[in-house]
Amino acid sequence: MELLILKSGPDYIRYKDGAYLRTGLDKASVFPMDRMMLVRQHAEALKNLGFKDVSIKKLVLTEEEI
């Protein structure tokens, strides 16, 4: 499974209640690949709010038996 995720420097971004929060990977907001336009809008909003080194990453999840 492939998902989109936002980062600001080493931090991941959580979007909650209209606010952007720096967080770890386990709390970050993720988006399906078909929401790229929305993710780009979020990235632009982050830059406008002064977040540094904003980037969009593809998160690749795999499921395996253990």
C-alpha atoms as a PDB file:
ATOM      1  CA  MET A   1       0.000   0.000   0.000  1.00  0.00           C
ATOM      2  CA  GLU A   2       1.267   3.472  -0.878  1.00  0.00           C
ATOM      3  CA  LEU A   3       0.235   6.598   1.027  1.00  0.00           C
ATOM      4  CA  LEU A   4       1.253  10.258   0.993  1.00  0.00           C
ATOM      5  CA  ILE A   5       2.690  11.964   4.049  1.00  0.00           C
ATOM      6  CA  LEU A   6       3.963  15.476   4.787  1.00  0.00           C
ATOM      7  CA  LYS A   7       7.232  16.346   6.483  1.00  0.00           C
ATOM      8  CA  SER A   8       8.842  19.517   7.760  1.00  0.00           C
ATOM      9  CA  GLY A   9      12.527  18.803   8.164  1.00  0.00           C
ATOM     10  CA  PRO A  10      12.802  15.642  10.285  1.00  0.00           C
ATOM     11  CA  ASP A  11       9.253  15.981  11.678  1.00  0.00           C
ATOM     12  CA  TYR A  12       6.060  14.492  10.299  1.00  0.00           C
ATOM     13  CA  ILE A  13       2.900  16.596  10.080  1.00  0.00           C
ATOM     14  CA  ARG A  14      -0.498  15.899  11.588  1.00  0.00           C
ATOM     15  CA  TYR A  15      -3.473  17.910  10.358  1.00  0.00           C
ATOM     16  CA  LYS A  16      -6.159  18.050  13.034  1.00  0.00           C
ATOM     17  CA  ASP A  17      -8.983  20.494  13.721  1.00  0.00           C
ATOM     18  CA  GLY A  18      -7.672  22.920  11.098  1.00  0.00           C
ATOM     19  CA  ALA A  19      -4.167  23.064  12.615  1.00  0.00           C
ATOM     20  CA  TYR A  20      -0.808  21.593  11.607  1.00  0.00           C
ATOM     21  CA  LEU A  21       1.198  19.840  14.308  1.00  0.00           C
ATOM     22  CA  ARG A  22       4.730  18.444  14.250  1.00  0.00           C
ATOM     23  CA  THR A  23       4.717  14.822  15.326  1.00  0.00           C
ATOM     24  CA  GLY A  24       6.330  11.429  14.969  1.00  0.00           C
ATOM     25  CA  LEU A  25       5.466   8.979  12.222  1.00  0.00           C
ATOM     26  CA  ASP A  26       2.980   7.123  14.435  1.00  0.00           C
ATOM     27  CA  LYS A  27       0.712  10.205  14.752  1.00  0.00           C
ATOM     28  CA  ALA A  28       1.180  11.725  11.275  1.00  0.00           C
ATOM     29  CA  SER A  29      -1.704  12.282   8.876  1.00  0.00           C
ATOM     30  CA  VAL A  30      -1.607  10.027   5.824  1.00  0.00           C
ATOM     31  CA  PHE A  31      -3.480  10.398   2.555  1.00  0.00           C
ATOM     32  CA  PRO A  32      -4.255   8.009  -0.299  1.00  0.00           C
ATOM     33  CA  MET A  33      -2.307   8.552  -3.505  1.00  0.00           C
ATOM     34  CA  ASP A  34      -5.360   9.929  -5.321  1.00  0.00           C
ATOM     35  CA  ARG A  35      -5.422  12.918  -2.907  1.00  0.00           C
ATOM     36  CA  MET A  36      -2.158  14.401  -4.217  1.00  0.00           C
ATOM     37  CA  MET A  37      -3.824  17.730  -5.039  1.00  0.00           C
ATOM     38  CA  LEU A  38      -5.040  18.105  -1.433  1.00  0.00           C
ATOM     39  CA  VAL A  39      -1.615  17.161  -0.080  1.00  0.00           C
ATOM     40  CA  ARG A  40       0.019  19.789  -2.308  1.00  0.00           C
ATOM     41  CA  GLN A  41      -2.428  22.369  -0.926  1.00  0.00           C
ATOM     42  CA  HIS A  42      -1.469  21.351   2.618  1.00  0.00           C
ATOM     43  CA  ALA A  43       2.226  21.625   1.705  1.00  0.00           C
ATOM     44  CA  GLU A  44       1.714  25.139   0.363  1.00  0.00           C
ATOM     45  CA  ALA A  45      -0.224  26.129   3.495  1.00  0.00           C
ATOM     46  CA  LEU A  46       2.612  24.794   5.671  1.00  0.00           C
ATOM     47  CA  LYS A  47       5.150  26.887   3.754  1.00  0.00           C
ATOM     48  CA  ASN A  48       2.945  29.973   4.108  1.00  0.00           C
ATOM     49  CA  LEU A  49       2.778  29.361   7.868  1.00  0.00           C
ATOM     50  CA  GLY A  50       6.579  29.361   8.086  1.00  0.00           C
ATOM     51  CA  PHE A  51       7.268  25.626   8.286  1.00  0.00           C
ATOM     52  CA  LYS A  52      10.748  24.928   6.920  1.00  0.00           C
ATOM     53  CA  ASP A  53      11.880  22.224   4.482  1.00  0.00           C
ATOM     54  CA  VAL A  54       8.333  21.072   3.676  1.00  0.00           C
ATOM     55  CA  SER A  55       8.216  17.931   1.567  1.00  0.00           C
ATOM     56  CA  ILE A  56       5.742  15.328   0.392  1.00  0.00           C
ATOM     57  CA  LYS A  57       6.824  11.719   0.800  1.00  0.00           C
ATOM     58  CA  LYS A  58       5.420   8.413  -0.361  1.00  0.00           C
ATOM     59  CA  LEU A  59       4.998   5.993   2.516  1.00  0.00           C
ATOM     60  CA  VAL A  60       5.105   2.355   1.386  1.00  0.00           C
ATOM     61  CA  LEU A  61       3.500  -0.171   3.729  1.00  0.00           C
ATOM     62  CA  THR A  62       3.840  -3.909   3.482  1.00  0.00           C
ATOM     63  CA  GLU A  63       2.082  -6.618   5.424  1.00  0.00           C
ATOM     64  CA  GLU A  64       3.927  -9.787   6.365  1.00  0.00           C
ATOM     65  CA  GLU A  65       3.287 -12.727   8.634  1.00  0.00           C
ATOM     66  CA  ILE A  66       5.422 -12.868  11.768  1.00  0.00           C
END
